[in-house]
C-alpha atoms as a PDB file:
ATOM      1  CA  MET A   1      -6.415  99.576   7.914  1.00  0.00           C
ATOM      2  CA  VAL A   2      -4.533 100.303   4.697  1.00  0.00           C
ATOM      3  CA  ILE A   3      -7.167  98.396   2.662  1.00  0.00           C
ATOM      4  CA  LYS A   4      -9.950 100.351   4.336  1.00  0.00           C
ATOM      5  CA  LYS A   5      -8.259 103.641   3.443  1.00  0.00           C
ATOM      6  CA  ILE A   6      -7.798 102.545  -0.141  1.00  0.00           C
ATOM      7  CA  VAL A   7     -11.469 101.511  -0.423  1.00  0.00           C
ATOM      8  CA  ALA A   8     -12.584 104.784   1.123  1.00  0.00           C
ATOM      9  CA  SER A   9     -10.422 106.781  -1.285  1.00  0.00           C
ATOM     10  CA  VAL A  10     -11.769 104.867  -4.297  1.00  0.00           C
ATOM     11  CA  MET A  11     -15.364 105.458  -3.195  1.00  0.00           C
ATOM     12  CA  ALA A  12     -14.688 109.170  -2.675  1.00  0.00           C
ATOM     13  CA  VAL A  13     -13.221 109.515  -6.133  1.00  0.00           C
ATOM     14  CA  ALA A  14     -16.171 107.635  -7.648  1.00  0.00           C
ATOM     15  CA  THR A  15     -18.652 109.865  -5.836  1.00  0.00           C
ATOM     16  CA  MET A  16     -16.914 113.017  -7.115  1.00  0.00           C
ATOM     17  CA  ALA A  17     -16.871 111.633 -10.653  1.00  0.00           C
ATOM     18  CA  VAL A  18     -20.610 111.037 -10.553  1.00  0.00           C
ATOM     19  CA  ALA A  19     -21.213 114.517  -9.132  1.00  0.00           C
ATOM     20  CA  PHE A  20     -19.133 116.254 -11.755  1.00  0.00           C
ATOM     21  CA  ALA A  21     -20.650 114.178 -14.535  1.00  0.00           C
ATOM     22  CA  GLY A  22     -24.021 115.707 -13.718  1.00  0.00           C
ATOM     23  CA  CYS A  23     -22.797 119.332 -13.788  1.00  0.00           C
ATOM     24  CA  GLY A  24     -24.653 121.486 -16.237  1.00  0.00           C
ATOM     25  CA  LYS A  25     -27.205 118.773 -17.103  1.00  0.00           C
ATOM     26  CA  LYS A  26     -30.551 117.858 -15.615  1.00  0.00           C
ATOM     27  CA  GLU A  27     -32.055 114.406 -16.046  1.00  0.00           C
ATOM     28  CA  SER A  28     -35.576 115.255 -14.838  1.00  0.00           C
ATOM     29  CA  ASN A  29     -38.518 116.038 -17.091  1.00  0.00           C
ATOM     30  CA  LYS A  30     -38.393 119.691 -15.978  1.00  0.00           C
ATOM     31  CA  PHE A  31     -37.083 122.480 -18.213  1.00  0.00           C
ATOM     32  CA  VAL A  32     -35.609 124.980 -15.744  1.00  0.00           C
ATOM     33  CA  VAL A  33     -35.024 128.400 -17.270  1.00  0.00           C
ATOM     34  CA  GLY A  34     -32.736 130.849 -15.482  1.00  0.00           C
ATOM     35  CA  PHE A  35     -33.654 134.511 -15.842  1.00  0.00           C
ATOM     36  CA  ASP A  36     -33.159 137.952 -14.290  1.00  0.00           C
ATOM     37  CA  GLN A  37     -36.520 138.853 -12.708  1.00  0.00           C
ATOM     38  CA  GLU A  38     -35.814 142.589 -13.109  1.00  0.00           C
ATOM     39  CA  PHE A  39     -35.433 142.597 -16.885  1.00  0.00           C
ATOM     40  CA  PRO A  40     -38.767 143.576 -18.431  1.00  0.00           C
ATOM     41  CA  PRO A  41     -40.178 142.816 -20.946  1.00  0.00           C
ATOM     42  CA  MET A  42     -37.999 139.697 -21.289  1.00  0.00           C
ATOM     43  CA  GLY A  43     -38.536 138.381 -17.755  1.00  0.00           C
ATOM     44  CA  PHE A  44     -39.984 140.081 -14.673  1.00  0.00           C
ATOM     45  CA  VAL A  45     -42.420 139.794 -11.756  1.00  0.00           C
ATOM     46  CA  ALA A  46     -45.967 140.753 -12.814  1.00  0.00           C
ATOM     47  CA  ASP A  47     -48.369 142.683 -10.622  1.00  0.00           C
ATOM     48  CA  ASP A  48     -49.997 139.442  -9.435  1.00  0.00           C
ATOM     49  CA  GLY A  49     -46.643 138.042  -8.327  1.00  0.00           C
ATOM     50  CA  SER A  50     -46.252 135.616 -11.237  1.00  0.00           C
ATOM     51  CA  TYR A  51     -43.286 135.534 -13.588  1.00  0.00           C
ATOM     52  CA  ALA A  52     -43.953 137.007 -16.996  1.00  0.00           C
ATOM     53  CA  GLY A  53     -42.152 138.183 -20.096  1.00  0.00           C
ATOM     54  CA  PHE A  54     -41.484 137.642 -23.778  1.00  0.00           C
ATOM     55  CA  ASP A  55     -38.610 135.227 -23.257  1.00  0.00           C
ATOM     56  CA  LEU A  56     -40.531 133.276 -20.613  1.00  0.00           C
ATOM     57  CA  ASP A  57     -43.486 132.904 -23.001  1.00  0.00           C
ATOM     58  CA  LEU A  58     -41.141 131.543 -25.672  1.00  0.00           C
ATOM     59  CA  ALA A  59     -39.510 129.172 -23.166  1.00  0.00           C
ATOM     60  CA  LYS A  60     -42.862 127.982 -21.889  1.00  0.00           C
ATOM     61  CA  GLU A  61     -43.999 127.127 -25.402  1.00  0.00           C
ATOM     62  CA  ALA A  62     -40.673 125.358 -26.091  1.00  0.00           C
ATOM     63  CA  ALA A  63     -41.043 123.262 -22.929  1.00  0.00           C
ATOM     64  CA  LYS A  64     -44.568 122.224 -23.955  1.00  0.00           C
ATOM     65  CA  ARG A  65     -43.417 121.114 -27.379  1.00  0.00           C
ATOM     66  CA  MET A  66     -40.577 119.079 -25.825  1.00  0.00           C
ATOM     67  CA  GLY A  67     -42.987 117.439 -23.408  1.00  0.00           C
ATOM     68  CA  LYS A  68     -41.294 118.992 -20.358  1.00  0.00           C
ATOM     69  CA  GLU A  69     -42.564 120.863 -17.333  1.00  0.00           C
ATOM     70  CA  PHE A  70     -41.618 124.531 -17.558  1.00  0.00           C
ATOM     71  CA  VAL A  71     -39.964 126.074 -14.481  1.00  0.00           C
ATOM     72  CA  ALA A  72     -39.000 129.768 -14.365  1.00  0.00           C
ATOM     73  CA  GLN A  73     -36.025 130.146 -11.984  1.00  0.00           C
ATOM     74  CA  PRO A  74     -34.930 133.708 -10.997  1.00  0.00           C
ATOM     75  CA  ILE A  75     -31.147 134.024 -10.637  1.00  0.00           C
ATOM     76  CA  ALA A  76     -28.617 136.679  -9.738  1.00  0.00           C
ATOM     77  CA  TRP A  77     -27.198 137.662 -13.094  1.00  0.00           C
ATOM     78  CA  ASP A  78     -23.585 137.638 -11.951  1.00  0.00           C
ATOM     79  CA  SER A  79     -24.100 134.038 -10.690  1.00  0.00           C
ATOM     80  CA  LYS A  80     -25.497 132.643 -13.930  1.00  0.00           C
ATOM     81  CA  ASP A  81     -22.418 130.614 -14.817  1.00  0.00           C
ATOM     82  CA  GLN A  82     -22.414 128.867 -11.451  1.00  0.00           C
ATOM     83  CA  GLU A  83     -26.138 128.150 -11.757  1.00  0.00           C
ATOM     84  CA  LEU A  84     -25.527 126.470 -15.110  1.00  0.00           C
ATOM     85  CA  ALA A  85     -22.437 124.551 -14.023  1.00  0.00           C
ATOM     86  CA  THR A  86     -24.122 123.093 -10.938  1.00  0.00           C
ATOM     87  CA  GLY A  87     -27.217 122.073 -12.893  1.00  0.00           C
ATOM     88  CA  ASN A  88     -29.598 124.357 -10.947  1.00  0.00           C
ATOM     89  CA  ILE A  89     -30.848 125.632 -14.291  1.00  0.00           C
ATOM     90  CA  ASP A  90     -30.915 124.143 -17.784  1.00  0.00           C
ATOM     91  CA  CYS A  91     -30.348 127.345 -19.689  1.00  0.00           C
ATOM     92  CA  ILE A  92     -30.173 131.147 -19.566  1.00  0.00           C
ATOM     93  CA  TRP A  93     -33.093 132.579 -21.542  1.00  0.00           C
ATOM     94  CA  ASN A  94     -33.470 136.243 -20.736  1.00  0.00           C
ATOM     95  CA  GLY A  95     -32.224 138.735 -23.336  1.00  0.00           C
ATOM     96  CA  PHE A  96     -28.871 136.873 -23.276  1.00  0.00           C
ATOM     97  CA  THR A  97     -26.463 138.588 -25.621  1.00  0.00           C
ATOM     98  CA  MET A  98     -24.207 136.495 -27.858  1.00  0.00           C
ATOM     99  CA  THR A  99     -20.933 138.402 -27.431  1.00  0.00           C
ATOM    100  CA  ASP A 100     -17.507 137.305 -28.686  1.00  0.00           C
ATOM    101  CA  GLU A 101     -16.431 136.752 -25.079  1.00  0.00           C
ATOM    102  CA  ARG A 102     -19.349 134.438 -24.432  1.00  0.00           C
ATOM    103  CA  MET A 103     -19.434 132.350 -27.620  1.00  0.00           C
ATOM    104  CA  ASP A 104     -17.013 129.637 -26.363  1.00  0.00           C
ATOM    105  CA  LYS A 105     -18.418 129.567 -22.808  1.00  0.00           C
ATOM    106  CA  TYR A 106     -21.880 128.262 -23.686  1.00  0.00           C
ATOM    107  CA  ALA A 107     -23.741 126.042 -26.153  1.00  0.00           C
ATOM    108  CA  TRP A 108     -25.899 128.540 -28.031  1.00  0.00           C
ATOM    109  CA  THR A 109     -29.047 128.373 -30.118  1.00  0.00           C
ATOM    110  CA  SER A 110     -29.045 130.548 -33.205  1.00  0.00           C
ATOM    111  CA  ALA A 111     -29.960 134.180 -32.607  1.00  0.00           C
ATOM    112  CA  TYR A 112     -33.697 134.898 -32.349  1.00  0.00           C
ATOM    113  CA  MET A 113     -33.691 138.677 -31.807  1.00  0.00           C
ATOM    114  CA  ALA A 114     -31.527 141.707 -32.637  1.00  0.00           C
ATOM    115  CA  ASN A 115     -30.734 144.356 -30.037  1.00  0.00           C
ATOM    116  CA  ALA A 116     -28.386 147.245 -29.297  1.00  0.00           C
ATOM    117  CA  GLN A 117     -26.632 148.671 -26.261  1.00  0.00           C
ATOM    118  CA  VAL A 118     -27.890 152.236 -25.898  1.00  0.00           C
ATOM    119  CA  VAL A 119     -27.564 155.155 -23.540  1.00  0.00           C
ATOM    120  CA  VAL A 120     -30.538 156.312 -21.443  1.00  0.00           C
ATOM    121  CA  VAL A 121     -30.596 159.834 -19.977  1.00  0.00           C
ATOM    122  CA  LYS A 122     -33.105 162.283 -18.522  1.00  0.00           C
ATOM    123  CA  ASN A 123     -34.987 164.382 -21.048  1.00  0.00           C
ATOM    124  CA  ASP A 124     -33.550 167.571 -19.593  1.00  0.00           C
ATOM    125  CA  SER A 125     -30.007 166.257 -19.080  1.00  0.00           C
ATOM    126  CA  GLY A 126     -28.458 168.204 -21.910  1.00  0.00           C
ATOM    127  CA  ILE A 127     -26.805 164.972 -23.073  1.00  0.00           C
ATOM    128  CA  SER A 128     -27.536 164.284 -26.760  1.00  0.00           C
ATOM    129  CA  SER A 129     -24.523 162.256 -27.925  1.00  0.00           C
ATOM    130  CA  LEU A 130     -21.882 159.802 -26.692  1.00  0.00           C
ATOM    131  CA  ALA A 131     -19.404 162.692 -26.652  1.00  0.00           C
ATOM    132  CA  ASP A 132     -21.583 164.470 -24.079  1.00  0.00           C
ATOM    133  CA  LEU A 133     -20.926 161.654 -21.594  1.00  0.00           C
ATOM    134  CA  ALA A 134     -17.425 163.002 -20.959  1.00  0.00           C
ATOM    135  CA  GLY A 135     -16.968 163.574 -17.250  1.00  0.00           C
ATOM    136  CA  LYS A 136     -20.366 162.049 -16.415  1.00  0.00           C
ATOM    137  CA  THR A 137     -21.297 159.251 -14.027  1.00  0.00           C
ATOM    138  CA  VAL A 138     -22.552 156.301 -16.083  1.00  0.00           C
ATOM    139  CA  ALA A 139     -24.288 153.196 -14.711  1.00  0.00           C
ATOM    140  CA  VAL A 140     -24.300 149.693 -16.110  1.00  0.00           C
ATOM    141  CA  GLN A 141     -25.428 146.280 -14.826  1.00  0.00           C
ATOM    142  CA  LYS A 142     -22.756 143.957 -13.392  1.00  0.00           C
ATOM    143  CA  ASP A 143     -21.557 141.190 -15.694  1.00  0.00           C
ATOM    144  CA  SER A 144     -23.827 142.450 -18.489  1.00  0.00           C
ATOM    145  CA  SER A 145     -23.368 142.876 -22.232  1.00  0.00           C
ATOM    146  CA  GLY A 146     -23.707 146.590 -21.581  1.00  0.00           C
ATOM    147  CA  LEU A 147     -20.590 146.438 -19.428  1.00  0.00           C
ATOM    148  CA  GLU A 148     -18.785 144.455 -22.113  1.00  0.00           C
ATOM    149  CA  ALA A 149     -19.798 147.014 -24.741  1.00  0.00           C
ATOM    150  CA  VAL A 150     -18.354 149.833 -22.635  1.00  0.00           C
ATOM    151  CA  GLU A 151     -15.157 147.947 -21.892  1.00  0.00           C
ATOM    152  CA  ASP A 152     -14.738 147.208 -25.635  1.00  0.00           C
ATOM    153  CA  ASN A 153     -14.859 150.944 -26.320  1.00  0.00           C
ATOM    154  CA  ALA A 154     -11.830 152.171 -24.393  1.00  0.00           C
ATOM    155  CA  ALA A 155     -12.073 155.772 -25.588  1.00  0.00           C
ATOM    156  CA  LEU A 156     -15.690 156.020 -24.455  1.00  0.00           C
ATOM    157  CA  LYS A 157     -15.020 154.436 -21.086  1.00  0.00           C
ATOM    158  CA  GLU A 158     -12.036 156.656 -20.384  1.00  0.00           C
ATOM    159  CA  SER A 159     -14.152 159.730 -21.120  1.00  0.00           C
ATOM    160  CA  PHE A 160     -16.539 158.937 -18.279  1.00  0.00           C
ATOM    161  CA  GLY A 161     -16.072 160.661 -14.965  1.00  0.00           C
ATOM    162  CA  LYS A 162     -17.107 157.426 -13.249  1.00  0.00           C
ATOM    163  CA  LEU A 163     -18.504 154.016 -14.260  1.00  0.00           C
ATOM    164  CA  VAL A 164     -20.841 152.479 -11.695  1.00  0.00           C
ATOM    165  CA  GLU A 165     -21.777 148.790 -11.799  1.00  0.00           C
ATOM    166  CA  MET A 166     -25.212 148.009 -10.383  1.00  0.00           C
ATOM    167  CA  ASP A 167     -27.078 144.782  -9.629  1.00  0.00           C
ATOM    168  CA  SER A 168     -30.051 145.541 -11.904  1.00  0.00           C
ATOM    169  CA  TYR A 169     -31.217 147.971 -14.576  1.00  0.00           C
ATOM    170  CA  LEU A 170     -34.333 148.840 -12.584  1.00  0.00           C
ATOM    171  CA  ASN A 171     -32.125 150.051  -9.718  1.00  0.00           C
ATOM    172  CA  ALA A 172     -30.005 151.969 -12.242  1.00  0.00           C
ATOM    173  CA  MET A 173     -33.146 153.708 -13.517  1.00  0.00           C
ATOM    174  CA  MET A 174     -34.072 154.682  -9.953  1.00  0.00           C
ATOM    175  CA  GLU A 175     -30.609 156.143  -9.489  1.00  0.00           C
ATOM    176  CA  LEU A 176     -30.944 158.041 -12.791  1.00  0.00           C
ATOM    177  CA  GLU A 177     -34.295 159.459 -11.729  1.00  0.00           C
ATOM    178  CA  MET A 178     -32.811 160.633  -8.409  1.00  0.00           C
ATOM    179  CA  GLY A 179     -29.820 162.165 -10.147  1.00  0.00           C
ATOM    180  CA  SER A 180     -27.229 159.863  -8.595  1.00  0.00           C
ATOM    181  CA  VAL A 181     -26.041 158.874 -12.076  1.00  0.00           C
ATOM    182  CA  ASP A 182     -26.157 160.819 -15.327  1.00  0.00           C
ATOM    183  CA  ALA A 183     -26.743 157.992 -17.791  1.00  0.00           C
ATOM    184  CA  ILE A 184     -27.222 154.241 -18.153  1.00  0.00           C
ATOM    185  CA  VAL A 185     -25.793 151.913 -20.821  1.00  0.00           C
ATOM    186  CA  MET A 186     -28.362 149.122 -21.307  1.00  0.00           C
ATOM    187  CA  ASP A 187     -30.335 146.936 -23.745  1.00  0.00           C
ATOM    188  CA  GLU A 188     -32.432 149.004 -26.164  1.00  0.00           C
ATOM    189  CA  ILE A 189     -35.416 146.634 -26.017  1.00  0.00           C
ATOM    190  CA  VAL A 190     -35.555 146.841 -22.234  1.00  0.00           C
ATOM    191  CA  ALA A 191     -34.921 150.573 -22.167  1.00  0.00           C
ATOM    192  CA  ARG A 192     -37.698 151.501 -24.596  1.00  0.00           C
ATOM    193  CA  TYR A 193     -40.169 149.129 -22.915  1.00  0.00           C
ATOM    194  CA  GLU A 194     -39.423 150.528 -19.453  1.00  0.00           C
ATOM    195  CA  ILE A 195     -39.663 154.158 -20.601  1.00  0.00           C
ATOM    196  CA  GLN A 196     -42.949 153.476 -22.373  1.00  0.00           C
ATOM    197  CA  THR A 197     -44.592 151.615 -19.506  1.00  0.00           C
ATOM    198  CA  SER A 198     -43.273 153.715 -16.630  1.00  0.00           C
ATOM    199  CA  GLY A 199     -43.830 157.131 -18.172  1.00  0.00           C
ATOM    200  CA  LYS A 200     -40.471 158.299 -16.820  1.00  0.00           C
ATOM    201  CA  ALA A 201     -39.000 161.444 -18.424  1.00  0.00           C
ATOM    202  CA  PHE A 202     -36.105 159.506 -19.987  1.00  0.00           C
ATOM    203  CA  THR A 203     -34.890 159.295 -23.551  1.00  0.00           C
ATOM    204  CA  VAL A 204     -32.641 157.003 -25.577  1.00  0.00           C
ATOM    205  CA  LEU A 205     -29.718 158.600 -27.421  1.00  0.00           C
ATOM    206  CA  ASP A 206     -29.676 158.139 -31.215  1.00  0.00           C
ATOM    207  CA  GLU A 207     -26.083 156.858 -31.062  1.00  0.00           C
ATOM    208  CA  SER A 208     -25.757 153.275 -29.855  1.00  0.00           C
ATOM    209  CA  VAL A 209     -22.730 151.835 -28.055  1.00  0.00           C
ATOM    210  CA  ALA A 210     -22.907 148.454 -29.772  1.00  0.00           C
ATOM    211  CA  THR A 211     -25.269 146.214 -31.782  1.00  0.00           C
ATOM    212  CA  GLU A 212     -25.875 142.619 -30.797  1.00  0.00           C
ATOM    213  CA  GLN A 213     -28.153 139.571 -30.912  1.00  0.00           C
ATOM    214  CA  TYR A 214     -29.986 137.474 -28.330  1.00  0.00           C
ATOM    215  CA  GLY A 215     -29.728 133.673 -28.079  1.00  0.00           C
ATOM    216  CA  VAL A 216     -30.464 130.934 -25.554  1.00  0.00           C
ATOM    217  CA  GLY A 217     -27.328 129.799 -23.658  1.00  0.00           C
ATOM    218  CA  PHE A 218     -26.726 126.273 -22.244  1.00  0.00           C
ATOM    219  CA  TYR A 219     -23.901 124.659 -20.330  1.00  0.00           C
ATOM    220  CA  LYS A 220     -21.188 124.208 -22.940  1.00  0.00           C
ATOM    221  CA  ASP A 221     -21.397 120.406 -22.919  1.00  0.00           C
ATOM    222  CA  ASN A 222     -25.200 120.228 -22.957  1.00  0.00           C
ATOM    223  CA  LYS A 223     -25.534 120.312 -26.740  1.00  0.00           C
ATOM    224  CA  ASP A 224     -28.259 117.669 -26.791  1.00  0.00           C
ATOM    225  CA  LEU A 225     -30.780 119.893 -24.993  1.00  0.00           C
ATOM    226  CA  ARG A 226     -29.580 122.896 -27.016  1.00  0.00           C
ATOM    227  CA  ASP A 227     -30.355 121.015 -30.224  1.00  0.00           C
ATOM    228  CA  LYS A 228     -33.871 120.105 -28.998  1.00  0.00           C
ATOM    229  CA  VAL A 229     -34.623 123.737 -28.146  1.00  0.00           C
ATOM    230  CA  GLN A 230     -33.195 124.882 -31.476  1.00  0.00           C
ATOM    231  CA  LYS A 231     -35.524 122.486 -33.268  1.00  0.00           C
ATOM    232  CA  VAL A 232     -38.676 123.740 -31.505  1.00  0.00           C
ATOM    233  CA  LEU A 233     -37.639 127.390 -31.988  1.00  0.00           C
ATOM    234  CA  GLU A 234     -37.426 126.787 -35.712  1.00  0.00           C
ATOM    235  CA  GLU A 235     -40.854 125.079 -35.607  1.00  0.00           C
ATOM    236  CA  MET A 236     -42.287 128.052 -33.686  1.00  0.00           C
ATOM    237  CA  ALA A 237     -40.864 130.432 -36.274  1.00  0.00           C
ATOM    238  CA  ALA A 238     -42.237 128.384 -39.164  1.00  0.00           C
ATOM    239  CA  ASP A 239     -45.796 127.990 -37.804  1.00  0.00           C
ATOM    240  CA  GLY A 240     -46.176 131.624 -36.701  1.00  0.00           C
ATOM    241  CA  THR A 241     -46.188 131.012 -32.965  1.00  0.00           C
ATOM    242  CA  MET A 242     -43.029 133.045 -32.386  1.00  0.00           C
ATOM    243  CA  ALA A 243     -44.514 135.951 -34.374  1.00  0.00           C
ATOM    244  CA  GLN A 244     -47.681 135.795 -32.260  1.00  0.00           C
ATOM    245  CA  ILE A 245     -45.743 135.951 -28.998  1.00  0.00           C
ATOM    246  CA  SER A 246     -43.612 138.829 -30.326  1.00  0.00           C
ATOM    247  CA  THR A 247     -46.731 140.752 -31.384  1.00  0.00           C
ATOM    248  CA  LYS A 248     -48.205 140.271 -27.909  1.00  0.00           C
ATOM    249  CA  TRP A 249     -45.203 141.992 -26.305  1.00  0.00           C
ATOM    250  CA  PHE A 250     -43.937 144.417 -28.932  1.00  0.00           C
ATOM    251  CA  GLY A 251     -46.905 145.074 -31.228  1.00  0.00           C
ATOM    252  CA  LYS A 252     -45.128 143.400 -34.153  1.00  0.00           C
ATOM    253  CA  ASP A 253     -42.857 140.520 -35.065  1.00  0.00           C
ATOM    254  CA  ILE A 254     -39.260 141.549 -34.309  1.00  0.00           C
ATOM    255  CA  THR A 255     -37.785 138.041 -34.148  1.00  0.00           C
ATOM    256  CA  ILE A 256     -35.076 137.058 -36.654  1.00  0.00           C
ATOM    257  CA  ILE A 257     -34.768 133.276 -36.456  1.00  0.00           C
ATOM    258  CA  LYS A 258     -35.043 131.588 -39.883  1.00  0.00           C
ATOM    259  CA  LYS A 259     -35.413 134.964 -41.572  1.00  0.00           C
END
């Protein structure tokens, strides 16, 4: 009986070791990209139900050059770390900001795009500066770089009447339109794209909350795949493919890798 228990214990430990060894890594020939499906133009659901976006186009091209099958996997943004750690996705590629708090948590490619955290308000709000946000209700996405930018600016945050964390920026924009919130702190690239395509009577304040850069984030121990993606990104920048994809979505090349 004692021997059986010992054998069972050894087998259980071995099974757990194998399971944990696979965390954050995928051995298949698929390249599974985690993204927020409500984050246009980086990743979103198109009118025909397919997944589209600038980042997804980049990732699809990278997968092709690596000889892998591209899979776009929508995720809840506040569950992204768990998705990576369990190996459900290979990377986060969706306007993923390289903040100080995140640098040691992931294996990063070099930055491929610059961005800023900005404030979006209604055209007739009477809000024209960060100082005008005093006493106002401000929305931000949960676990986002916008939230980090606000938390890093204690004076600004303390001036708000209320800070509301929401599950997506699209929902935040609906709340802004209805008047439930007075402003949104969010990614400039996403804000300007959404305002332009939706025709909503919103504006972006001239003052930004923070400046930042986008990169592709992998499980911290998955540097091998990170290096492969880095290599093809540099190839795409060198041969003009990255510029072509950027022009498709933004009308010009706004990428910064190898520049």
